[in-house]
Amino acid sequence: MAGIMASVKSAKHITLVVVCIAAVVCGNASRCRAQQGPAVSQRKINEMAASLDRCRRTLIETPAIRQQGETLPAYIQRISAPLVGESKTGYLKRVSSYVRALARTANETASFRVPPTLKHADAANQSLWQRATRDISYLPKRMDHVAAAWSHAEQHTEPEQTKALATEILETVQLMIDAYTNLRDAAP
């Protein structure tokens, strides 16, 4: 009787192991299929990279207010607060244009939140796509943080009160720069 019970217990154990392995294999296969988007063209890659770069330029280059040798964190901190002699209305208009640029880019890059099906599936290209899509997939949540910080900064424009906004904008811009860098080198 003990031998039969041991065999039944062993058979149950083997069945459980087989079921677990099958679940893992099937789960991973479906997860991989779910993460693979449609094939992408070089033109589409260029459009997404251009959107990311356009946002970077809107915040960093176009205003032409970055000081010589100023680091990106210091620059974002400074532009997230009212500039010297700037009215509250001017501040709100200027910074709302930055927030809109970030939101526009987050929306424009939505199709790259999952890796596309790649023609060039070598390890290096897959790694570039994984990093780019990971960064882009964080953008909606980052924009929630930016919007919340901007809502607070609109009411409290003192430089001390705008530090949270600067932090959120900086983290979002850095994600976009990283995504751009990876897309720039990615192949379809």
N, C-alpha and C. Protein backbone atom coordinates (compact mmCIF):
# COMPACT_ATOMS: atom_id res chain seq x y z
N MET A 1 0.82 -1.18 0.00
CA MET A 1 0.00 0.00 0.00
C MET A 1 0.87 1.26 0.00
N ALA A 2 1.92 1.25 0.78
CA ALA A 2 2.81 2.40 0.86
C ALA A 2 3.49 2.63 -0.49
N GLY A 3 3.80 1.55 -1.21
CA GLY A 3 4.44 1.67 -2.51
C GLY A 3 3.50 2.31 -3.53
N ILE A 4 2.22 1.95 -3.45
CA ILE A 4 1.23 2.52 -4.37
C ILE A 4 1.07 4.01 -4.08
N MET A 5 1.01 4.36 -2.81
CA MET A 5 0.85 5.77 -2.42
C MET A 5 2.07 6.58 -2.88
N ALA A 6 3.25 6.00 -2.76
CA ALA A 6 4.46 6.69 -3.20
C ALA A 6 4.44 6.90 -4.72
N SER A 7 3.94 5.87 -5.46
CA SER A 7 3.85 6.00 -6.92
C SER A 7 2.85 7.07 -7.32
N VAL A 8 1.70 7.09 -6.63
CA VAL A 8 0.67 8.09 -6.92
C VAL A 8 1.22 9.48 -6.60
N LYS A 9 1.89 9.60 -5.46
CA LYS A 9 2.48 10.88 -5.07
C LYS A 9 3.53 11.32 -6.08
N SER A 10 4.34 10.38 -6.54
CA SER A 10 5.37 10.67 -7.51
C SER A 10 4.74 11.06 -8.86
N ALA A 11 3.70 10.38 -9.27
CA ALA A 11 3.01 10.70 -10.52
C ALA A 11 2.39 12.10 -10.44
N LYS A 12 1.79 12.41 -9.30
CA LYS A 12 1.22 13.74 -9.11
C LYS A 12 2.31 14.81 -9.19
N HIS A 13 3.45 14.51 -8.61
CA HIS A 13 4.57 15.45 -8.62
C HIS A 13 5.06 15.68 -10.05
N ILE A 14 5.21 14.58 -10.80
CA ILE A 14 5.66 14.68 -12.19
C ILE A 14 4.64 15.46 -13.01
N THR A 15 3.35 15.17 -12.82
CA THR A 15 2.30 15.89 -13.54
C THR A 15 2.34 17.36 -13.21
N LEU A 16 2.51 17.68 -11.94
CA LEU A 16 2.57 19.08 -11.52
C LEU A 16 3.77 19.79 -12.17
N VAL A 17 4.91 19.13 -12.21
CA VAL A 17 6.10 19.70 -12.83
C VAL A 17 5.86 19.94 -14.32
N VAL A 18 5.27 18.95 -15.00
CA VAL A 18 5.00 19.08 -16.44
C VAL A 18 4.03 20.23 -16.70
N VAL A 19 2.98 20.33 -15.87
CA VAL A 19 2.00 21.41 -16.02
C VAL A 19 2.67 22.77 -15.80
N CYS A 20 3.53 22.85 -14.80
CA CYS A 20 4.22 24.12 -14.53
C CYS A 20 5.14 24.50 -15.68
N ILE A 21 5.88 23.56 -16.21
CA ILE A 21 6.78 23.84 -17.33
C ILE A 21 5.96 24.27 -18.55
N ALA A 22 4.87 23.58 -18.82
CA ALA A 22 4.03 23.94 -19.96
C ALA A 22 3.46 25.36 -19.78
N ALA A 23 3.05 25.67 -18.56
CA ALA A 23 2.50 27.02 -18.31
C ALA A 23 3.57 28.08 -18.54
N VAL A 24 4.78 27.81 -18.09
CA VAL A 24 5.85 28.78 -18.28
C VAL A 24 6.17 28.94 -19.76
N VAL A 25 6.30 27.82 -20.47
CA VAL A 25 6.62 27.88 -21.90
C VAL A 25 5.50 28.58 -22.66
N CYS A 26 4.27 28.18 -22.42
CA CYS A 26 3.14 28.81 -23.13
C CYS A 26 2.98 30.26 -22.71
N GLY A 27 3.17 30.53 -21.45
CA GLY A 27 3.05 31.91 -20.98
C GLY A 27 4.10 32.80 -21.62
N ASN A 28 5.32 32.32 -21.71
CA ASN A 28 6.36 33.12 -22.34
C ASN A 28 6.12 33.29 -23.82
N ALA A 29 5.64 32.24 -24.48
CA ALA A 29 5.38 32.35 -25.91
C ALA A 29 4.29 33.37 -26.17
N SER A 30 3.21 33.33 -25.39
CA SER A 30 2.14 34.30 -25.62
C SER A 30 2.59 35.70 -25.24
N ARG A 31 3.42 35.81 -24.21
CA ARG A 31 3.93 37.12 -23.82
C ARG A 31 4.80 37.69 -24.93
N CYS A 32 5.64 36.84 -25.54
CA CYS A 32 6.49 37.31 -26.63
C CYS A 32 5.64 37.75 -27.82
N ARG A 33 4.61 36.96 -28.14
CA ARG A 33 3.73 37.35 -29.25
C ARG A 33 3.02 38.66 -28.92
N ALA A 34 2.59 38.83 -27.68
CA ALA A 34 1.85 40.03 -27.30
C ALA A 34 2.74 41.27 -27.37
N GLN A 35 4.04 41.10 -27.14
CA GLN A 35 4.94 42.24 -27.14
C GLN A 35 5.41 42.61 -28.53
N GLN A 36 5.24 41.74 -29.49
CA GLN A 36 5.72 42.02 -30.83
C GLN A 36 4.67 42.80 -31.58
N GLY A 37 5.03 44.02 -31.94
CA GLY A 37 4.13 44.86 -32.71
C GLY A 37 4.33 44.59 -34.19
N PRO A 38 3.65 45.36 -35.02
CA PRO A 38 3.82 45.20 -36.47
C PRO A 38 5.24 45.59 -36.90
N ALA A 39 5.60 45.15 -38.07
CA ALA A 39 6.91 45.51 -38.61
C ALA A 39 7.00 47.02 -38.73
N VAL A 40 8.21 47.53 -38.68
CA VAL A 40 8.42 48.97 -38.70
C VAL A 40 9.39 49.33 -39.83
N SER A 41 9.16 50.47 -40.44
CA SER A 41 10.04 50.91 -41.52
C SER A 41 11.07 51.89 -40.97
N GLN A 42 12.12 52.10 -41.73
CA GLN A 42 13.13 53.08 -41.33
C GLN A 42 12.51 54.47 -41.26
N ARG A 43 11.57 54.74 -42.14
CA ARG A 43 10.89 56.04 -42.13
C ARG A 43 10.16 56.27 -40.81
N LYS A 44 9.46 55.24 -40.33
CA LYS A 44 8.72 55.36 -39.06
C LYS A 44 9.69 55.55 -37.89
N ILE A 45 10.82 54.86 -37.93
CA ILE A 45 11.84 55.03 -36.89
C ILE A 45 12.31 56.48 -36.90
N ASN A 46 12.57 57.00 -38.08
CA ASN A 46 13.04 58.38 -38.21
C ASN A 46 11.99 59.37 -37.70
N GLU A 47 10.71 59.10 -37.97
CA GLU A 47 9.63 59.98 -37.49
C GLU A 47 9.58 60.00 -35.96
N MET A 48 9.71 58.83 -35.34
CA MET A 48 9.68 58.76 -33.88
C MET A 48 10.90 59.47 -33.29
N ALA A 49 12.06 59.22 -33.88
CA ALA A 49 13.28 59.87 -33.39
C ALA A 49 13.17 61.38 -33.56
N ALA A 50 12.59 61.83 -34.67
CA ALA A 50 12.42 63.26 -34.91
C ALA A 50 11.48 63.88 -33.87
N SER A 51 10.44 63.17 -33.50
CA SER A 51 9.52 63.68 -32.48
C SER A 51 10.24 63.85 -31.15
N LEU A 52 11.04 62.86 -30.79
CA LEU A 52 11.80 62.95 -29.53
C LEU A 52 12.81 64.10 -29.58
N ASP A 53 13.48 64.24 -30.71
CA ASP A 53 14.47 65.31 -30.84
C ASP A 53 13.82 66.68 -30.88
N ARG A 54 12.67 66.78 -31.51
CA ARG A 54 11.94 68.06 -31.57
C ARG A 54 11.58 68.53 -30.15
N CYS A 55 11.16 67.61 -29.32
CA CYS A 55 10.83 67.95 -27.93
C CYS A 55 12.08 68.41 -27.19
N ARG A 56 13.17 67.69 -27.37
CA ARG A 56 14.43 68.07 -26.73
C ARG A 56 14.83 69.48 -27.14
N ARG A 57 14.74 69.76 -28.43
CA ARG A 57 15.10 71.08 -28.92
C ARG A 57 14.17 72.16 -28.37
N THR A 58 12.88 71.85 -28.25
CA THR A 58 11.91 72.82 -27.72
C THR A 58 12.27 73.23 -26.30
N LEU A 59 12.72 72.29 -25.51
CA LEU A 59 13.04 72.59 -24.12
C LEU A 59 14.47 73.09 -23.93
N ILE A 60 15.39 72.60 -24.73
CA ILE A 60 16.80 72.86 -24.44
C ILE A 60 17.44 73.87 -25.38
N GLU A 61 17.14 73.79 -26.67
CA GLU A 61 17.85 74.66 -27.61
C GLU A 61 17.05 75.87 -28.08
N THR A 62 15.79 75.68 -28.41
CA THR A 62 14.99 76.76 -29.00
C THR A 62 14.86 77.98 -28.09
N PRO A 63 14.65 77.81 -26.80
CA PRO A 63 14.51 79.02 -25.98
C PRO A 63 15.78 79.87 -25.94
N ALA A 64 16.91 79.28 -26.28
CA ALA A 64 18.20 79.97 -26.27
C ALA A 64 18.48 80.67 -24.94
N ILE A 65 18.13 79.99 -23.86
CA ILE A 65 18.35 80.57 -22.53
C ILE A 65 19.30 79.73 -21.68
N ARG A 66 19.83 78.66 -22.28
CA ARG A 66 20.79 77.84 -21.54
C ARG A 66 22.10 78.60 -21.46
N GLN A 67 22.66 78.64 -20.27
CA GLN A 67 23.90 79.38 -20.06
C GLN A 67 25.11 78.49 -20.40
N GLN A 68 26.18 79.15 -20.79
CA GLN A 68 27.41 78.45 -21.14
C GLN A 68 27.84 77.53 -20.00
N GLY A 69 28.05 76.25 -20.28
CA GLY A 69 28.53 75.30 -19.29
C GLY A 69 27.49 74.82 -18.30
N GLU A 70 26.24 75.23 -18.47
CA GLU A 70 25.18 74.84 -17.53
C GLU A 70 24.79 73.39 -17.77
N THR A 71 24.79 72.60 -16.70
CA THR A 71 24.41 71.19 -16.82
C THR A 71 22.92 71.10 -17.10
N LEU A 72 22.50 69.96 -17.64
CA LEU A 72 21.09 69.77 -17.93
C LEU A 72 20.23 69.86 -16.66
N PRO A 73 20.61 69.20 -15.56
CA PRO A 73 19.79 69.33 -14.35
C PRO A 73 19.68 70.79 -13.85
N ALA A 74 20.79 71.52 -13.88
CA ALA A 74 20.75 72.91 -13.43
C ALA A 74 19.89 73.76 -14.36
N TYR A 75 20.00 73.51 -15.66
CA TYR A 75 19.22 74.24 -16.64
C TYR A 75 17.72 73.98 -16.45
N ILE A 76 17.34 72.72 -16.34
CA ILE A 76 15.92 72.38 -16.16
C ILE A 76 15.40 72.98 -14.86
N GLN A 77 16.21 72.94 -13.81
CA GLN A 77 15.80 73.54 -12.53
C GLN A 77 15.54 75.04 -12.71
N ARG A 78 16.42 75.70 -13.43
CA ARG A 78 16.28 77.14 -13.62
C ARG A 78 15.08 77.50 -14.49
N ILE A 79 14.85 76.76 -15.58
CA ILE A 79 13.74 77.11 -16.47
C ILE A 79 12.38 76.66 -15.94
N SER A 80 12.38 75.81 -14.92
CA SER A 80 11.11 75.38 -14.33
C SER A 80 10.57 76.40 -13.35
N ALA A 81 11.37 77.37 -13.01
CA ALA A 81 10.95 78.47 -12.12
C ALA A 81 10.87 79.74 -12.96
N PRO A 82 10.20 80.76 -12.46
CA PRO A 82 10.18 82.03 -13.20
C PRO A 82 11.61 82.55 -13.39
N LEU A 83 11.89 83.03 -14.58
CA LEU A 83 13.20 83.61 -14.87
C LEU A 83 13.28 85.01 -14.28
N VAL A 84 14.46 85.54 -14.13
CA VAL A 84 14.66 86.87 -13.56
C VAL A 84 13.88 87.89 -14.38
N GLY A 85 13.01 88.64 -13.71
CA GLY A 85 12.22 89.68 -14.36
C GLY A 85 11.02 89.18 -15.14
N GLU A 86 10.74 87.90 -15.10
CA GLU A 86 9.62 87.32 -15.85
C GLU A 86 8.32 87.46 -15.06
N SER A 87 7.26 87.87 -15.72
CA SER A 87 5.96 87.98 -15.06
C SER A 87 5.38 86.58 -14.84
N LYS A 88 4.41 86.50 -13.96
CA LYS A 88 3.75 85.21 -13.70
C LYS A 88 3.09 84.71 -14.98
N THR A 89 2.47 85.62 -15.73
CA THR A 89 1.82 85.25 -16.98
C THR A 89 2.84 84.72 -17.98
N GLY A 90 3.97 85.39 -18.09
CA GLY A 90 5.04 84.94 -18.99
C GLY A 90 5.57 83.58 -18.59
N TYR A 91 5.74 83.39 -17.29
CA TYR A 91 6.21 82.10 -16.77
C TYR A 91 5.23 80.99 -17.13
N LEU A 92 3.95 81.22 -16.85
CA LEU A 92 2.93 80.20 -17.11
C LEU A 92 2.87 79.84 -18.60
N LYS A 93 2.97 80.85 -19.45
CA LYS A 93 2.93 80.61 -20.89
C LYS A 93 4.16 79.81 -21.35
N ARG A 94 5.33 80.22 -20.88
CA ARG A 94 6.57 79.55 -21.28
C ARG A 94 6.60 78.11 -20.83
N VAL A 95 6.35 77.86 -19.56
CA VAL A 95 6.46 76.50 -19.04
C VAL A 95 5.32 75.61 -19.54
N SER A 96 4.14 76.18 -19.75
CA SER A 96 3.05 75.35 -20.30
C SER A 96 3.42 74.87 -21.71
N SER A 97 4.20 75.67 -22.46
CA SER A 97 4.64 75.22 -23.78
C SER A 97 5.59 74.03 -23.66
N TYR A 98 6.40 73.99 -22.60
CA TYR A 98 7.29 72.85 -22.37
C TYR A 98 6.47 71.60 -22.04
N VAL A 99 5.48 71.77 -21.17
CA VAL A 99 4.64 70.63 -20.76
C VAL A 99 3.86 70.10 -21.97
N ARG A 100 3.35 71.00 -22.81
CA ARG A 100 2.63 70.57 -24.02
C ARG A 100 3.57 69.81 -24.97
N ALA A 101 4.79 70.28 -25.10
CA ALA A 101 5.76 69.60 -25.98
C ALA A 101 6.04 68.18 -25.47
N LEU A 102 6.20 68.04 -24.17
CA LEU A 102 6.43 66.71 -23.59
C LEU A 102 5.22 65.81 -23.84
N ALA A 103 4.02 66.33 -23.61
CA ALA A 103 2.80 65.54 -23.79
C ALA A 103 2.62 65.15 -25.26
N ARG A 104 2.88 66.07 -26.17
CA ARG A 104 2.75 65.80 -27.60
C ARG A 104 3.69 64.65 -28.00
N THR A 105 4.91 64.71 -27.52
CA THR A 105 5.88 63.66 -27.86
C THR A 105 5.47 62.32 -27.26
N ALA A 106 4.98 62.34 -26.04
CA ALA A 106 4.51 61.08 -25.43
C ALA A 106 3.39 60.47 -26.27
N ASN A 107 2.51 61.30 -26.79
CA ASN A 107 1.42 60.80 -27.65
C ASN A 107 1.93 60.34 -29.01
N GLU A 108 2.82 61.11 -29.60
CA GLU A 108 3.33 60.78 -30.94
C GLU A 108 4.14 59.48 -30.97
N THR A 109 4.74 59.12 -29.86
CA THR A 109 5.58 57.92 -29.82
C THR A 109 4.84 56.70 -29.28
N ALA A 110 3.54 56.80 -29.09
CA ALA A 110 2.76 55.71 -28.48
C ALA A 110 2.91 54.39 -29.21
N SER A 111 3.04 54.41 -30.54
CA SER A 111 3.13 53.15 -31.29
C SER A 111 4.44 52.40 -31.03
N PHE A 112 5.39 53.04 -30.39
CA PHE A 112 6.66 52.39 -30.09
C PHE A 112 6.76 51.93 -28.63
N ARG A 113 5.62 51.75 -27.99
CA ARG A 113 5.64 51.28 -26.60
C ARG A 113 5.83 49.78 -26.49
N VAL A 114 5.69 49.08 -27.60
CA VAL A 114 5.99 47.64 -27.66
C VAL A 114 7.00 47.43 -28.79
N PRO A 115 7.90 46.49 -28.64
CA PRO A 115 8.88 46.27 -29.70
C PRO A 115 8.19 45.82 -30.98
N PRO A 116 8.62 46.34 -32.10
CA PRO A 116 8.04 45.89 -33.38
C PRO A 116 8.64 44.55 -33.79
N THR A 117 8.04 43.94 -34.78
CA THR A 117 8.63 42.76 -35.39
C THR A 117 9.81 43.26 -36.23
N LEU A 118 10.98 42.71 -35.97
CA LEU A 118 12.20 43.23 -36.58
C LEU A 118 12.66 42.39 -37.77
N LYS A 119 13.11 43.06 -38.81
CA LYS A 119 13.77 42.39 -39.94
C LYS A 119 15.19 42.03 -39.54
N HIS A 120 15.82 42.93 -38.79
CA HIS A 120 17.19 42.74 -38.30
C HIS A 120 17.10 42.34 -36.83
N ALA A 121 17.04 41.03 -36.59
CA ALA A 121 16.78 40.54 -35.24
C ALA A 121 18.06 40.13 -34.51
N ASP A 122 19.20 40.73 -34.86
CA ASP A 122 20.43 40.41 -34.15
C ASP A 122 20.34 40.95 -32.72
N ALA A 123 21.17 40.43 -31.85
CA ALA A 123 21.11 40.77 -30.43
C ALA A 123 21.30 42.27 -30.18
N ALA A 124 22.21 42.89 -30.89
CA ALA A 124 22.47 44.32 -30.68
C ALA A 124 21.25 45.16 -31.03
N ASN A 125 20.61 44.86 -32.15
CA ASN A 125 19.42 45.62 -32.56
C ASN A 125 18.26 45.36 -31.60
N GLN A 126 18.09 44.13 -31.17
CA GLN A 126 17.03 43.82 -30.22
C GLN A 126 17.24 44.58 -28.90
N SER A 127 18.49 44.67 -28.49
CA SER A 127 18.81 45.41 -27.26
C SER A 127 18.46 46.89 -27.40
N LEU A 128 18.78 47.48 -28.54
CA LEU A 128 18.43 48.89 -28.79
C LEU A 128 16.92 49.07 -28.71
N TRP A 129 16.18 48.17 -29.34
CA TRP A 129 14.72 48.27 -29.34
C TRP A 129 14.14 48.06 -27.94
N GLN A 130 14.69 47.12 -27.19
CA GLN A 130 14.19 46.90 -25.82
C GLN A 130 14.36 48.15 -24.98
N ARG A 131 15.52 48.78 -25.08
CA ARG A 131 15.76 50.00 -24.29
C ARG A 131 14.87 51.15 -24.77
N ALA A 132 14.76 51.31 -26.08
CA ALA A 132 13.94 52.41 -26.62
C ALA A 132 12.46 52.23 -26.24
N THR A 133 11.95 51.03 -26.43
CA THR A 133 10.53 50.82 -26.11
C THR A 133 10.28 50.88 -24.61
N ARG A 134 11.22 50.45 -23.82
CA ARG A 134 11.06 50.56 -22.37
C ARG A 134 10.96 52.04 -21.97
N ASP A 135 11.86 52.85 -22.48
CA ASP A 135 11.84 54.29 -22.17
C ASP A 135 10.54 54.93 -22.64
N ILE A 136 10.14 54.63 -23.87
CA ILE A 136 8.92 55.23 -24.43
C ILE A 136 7.69 54.75 -23.67
N SER A 137 7.70 53.50 -23.22
CA SER A 137 6.53 52.99 -22.49
C SER A 137 6.37 53.65 -21.13
N TYR A 138 7.44 54.23 -20.58
CA TYR A 138 7.35 54.95 -19.31
C TYR A 138 6.76 56.35 -19.47
N LEU A 139 6.72 56.87 -20.69
CA LEU A 139 6.32 58.26 -20.90
C LEU A 139 4.90 58.60 -20.39
N PRO A 140 3.89 57.76 -20.60
CA PRO A 140 2.57 58.14 -20.07
C PRO A 140 2.57 58.34 -18.55
N LYS A 141 3.24 57.47 -17.83
CA LYS A 141 3.31 57.61 -16.37
C LYS A 141 4.14 58.85 -16.00
N ARG A 142 5.23 59.07 -16.72
CA ARG A 142 6.03 60.26 -16.47
C ARG A 142 5.19 61.52 -16.68
N MET A 143 4.35 61.51 -17.73
CA MET A 143 3.51 62.67 -18.01
C MET A 143 2.47 62.88 -16.91
N ASP A 144 2.02 61.82 -16.28
CA ASP A 144 1.12 61.99 -15.12
C ASP A 144 1.85 62.75 -14.02
N HIS A 145 3.10 62.40 -13.79
CA HIS A 145 3.90 63.09 -12.76
C HIS A 145 4.16 64.54 -13.15
N VAL A 146 4.50 64.77 -14.42
CA VAL A 146 4.75 66.14 -14.89
C VAL A 146 3.48 66.97 -14.73
N ALA A 147 2.34 66.43 -15.13
CA ALA A 147 1.07 67.16 -15.05
C ALA A 147 0.73 67.52 -13.60
N ALA A 148 0.94 66.58 -12.69
CA ALA A 148 0.66 66.86 -11.28
C ALA A 148 1.59 67.95 -10.74
N ALA A 149 2.86 67.86 -11.08
CA ALA A 149 3.83 68.87 -10.62
C ALA A 149 3.53 70.22 -11.26
N TRP A 150 3.12 70.22 -12.51
CA TRP A 150 2.80 71.48 -13.20
C TRP A 150 1.56 72.11 -12.58
N SER A 151 0.59 71.31 -12.25
CA SER A 151 -0.63 71.83 -11.60
C SER A 151 -0.27 72.54 -10.30
N HIS A 152 0.63 71.97 -9.55
CA HIS A 152 1.08 72.61 -8.29
C HIS A 152 1.87 73.89 -8.60
N ALA A 153 2.77 73.82 -9.58
CA ALA A 153 3.63 74.97 -9.90
C ALA A 153 2.81 76.14 -10.46
N GLU A 154 1.71 75.85 -11.12
CA GLU A 154 0.86 76.94 -11.64
C GLU A 154 0.31 77.79 -10.50
N GLN A 155 0.07 77.15 -9.38
CA GLN A 155 -0.49 77.85 -8.22
C GLN A 155 0.59 78.46 -7.32
N HIS A 156 1.75 77.84 -7.32
CA HIS A 156 2.85 78.25 -6.43
C HIS A 156 4.10 78.45 -7.27
N THR A 157 4.31 79.64 -7.77
CA THR A 157 5.39 79.89 -8.73
C THR A 157 6.72 80.29 -8.09
N GLU A 158 6.80 80.26 -6.78
CA GLU A 158 8.08 80.58 -6.13
C GLU A 158 9.10 79.50 -6.50
N PRO A 159 10.35 79.88 -6.72
CA PRO A 159 11.37 78.90 -7.14
C PRO A 159 11.43 77.66 -6.24
N GLU A 160 11.27 77.83 -4.96
CA GLU A 160 11.32 76.68 -4.04
C GLU A 160 10.16 75.71 -4.32
N GLN A 161 9.04 76.26 -4.75
CA GLN A 161 7.84 75.44 -5.00
C GLN A 161 7.87 74.74 -6.37
N THR A 162 8.80 75.11 -7.23
CA THR A 162 8.85 74.52 -8.57
C THR A 162 9.90 73.41 -8.70
N LYS A 163 10.53 73.04 -7.60
CA LYS A 163 11.57 72.00 -7.66
C LYS A 163 11.01 70.64 -8.08
N ALA A 164 9.81 70.32 -7.62
CA ALA A 164 9.21 69.03 -8.02
C ALA A 164 8.95 69.02 -9.53
N LEU A 165 8.50 70.14 -10.07
CA LEU A 165 8.28 70.24 -11.51
C LEU A 165 9.59 70.02 -12.26
N ALA A 166 10.64 70.65 -11.80
CA ALA A 166 11.96 70.50 -12.44
C ALA A 166 12.40 69.04 -12.44
N THR A 167 12.22 68.38 -11.33
CA THR A 167 12.60 66.97 -11.22
C THR A 167 11.82 66.12 -12.21
N GLU A 168 10.52 66.34 -12.29
CA GLU A 168 9.68 65.54 -13.20
C GLU A 168 10.01 65.83 -14.66
N ILE A 169 10.21 67.07 -15.00
CA ILE A 169 10.58 67.41 -16.37
C ILE A 169 11.93 66.80 -16.73
N LEU A 170 12.90 66.92 -15.83
CA LEU A 170 14.23 66.37 -16.09
C LEU A 170 14.17 64.87 -16.32
N GLU A 171 13.48 64.14 -15.48
CA GLU A 171 13.39 62.69 -15.66
C GLU A 171 12.73 62.32 -16.98
N THR A 172 11.72 63.09 -17.36
CA THR A 172 11.03 62.82 -18.63
C THR A 172 11.92 63.15 -19.81
N VAL A 173 12.61 64.27 -19.77
CA VAL A 173 13.53 64.64 -20.86
C VAL A 173 14.64 63.61 -20.97
N GLN A 174 15.17 63.14 -19.87
CA GLN A 174 16.24 62.15 -19.92
C GLN A 174 15.75 60.84 -20.56
N LEU A 175 14.51 60.44 -20.25
CA LEU A 175 13.94 59.25 -20.90
C LEU A 175 13.86 59.45 -22.41
N MET A 176 13.41 60.64 -22.81
CA MET A 176 13.28 60.93 -24.24
C MET A 176 14.64 60.96 -24.93
N ILE A 177 15.63 61.51 -24.27
CA ILE A 177 16.98 61.54 -24.85
C ILE A 177 17.52 60.12 -24.99
N ASP A 178 17.31 59.29 -23.97
CA ASP A 178 17.76 57.90 -24.04
C ASP A 178 17.05 57.15 -25.16
N ALA A 179 15.74 57.33 -25.27
CA ALA A 179 14.97 56.66 -26.33
C ALA A 179 15.48 57.12 -27.69
N TYR A 180 15.70 58.41 -27.85
CA TYR A 180 16.21 58.95 -29.11
C TYR A 180 17.56 58.32 -29.46
N THR A 181 18.45 58.26 -28.50
CA THR A 181 19.78 57.69 -28.73
C THR A 181 19.67 56.25 -29.22
N ASN A 182 18.79 55.47 -28.61
CA ASN A 182 18.63 54.09 -29.03
C ASN A 182 17.96 53.97 -30.39
N LEU A 183 16.94 54.79 -30.64
CA LEU A 183 16.26 54.73 -31.96
C LEU A 183 17.19 55.19 -33.07
N ARG A 184 18.04 56.13 -32.79
CA ARG A 184 18.97 56.64 -33.79
C ARG A 184 19.83 55.51 -34.36
N ASP A 185 20.18 54.55 -33.52
CA ASP A 185 21.03 53.45 -33.95
C ASP A 185 20.27 52.18 -34.29
N ALA A 186 18.94 52.16 -34.07
CA ALA A 186 18.14 50.97 -34.30
C ALA A 186 17.84 50.78 -35.79
N ALA A 187 17.69 49.53 -36.16
CA ALA A 187 17.33 49.18 -37.54
C ALA A 187 15.96 48.51 -37.52
N PRO A 188 15.24 48.58 -38.65
CA PRO A 188 13.91 47.95 -38.69
C PRO A 188 13.99 46.43 -38.56
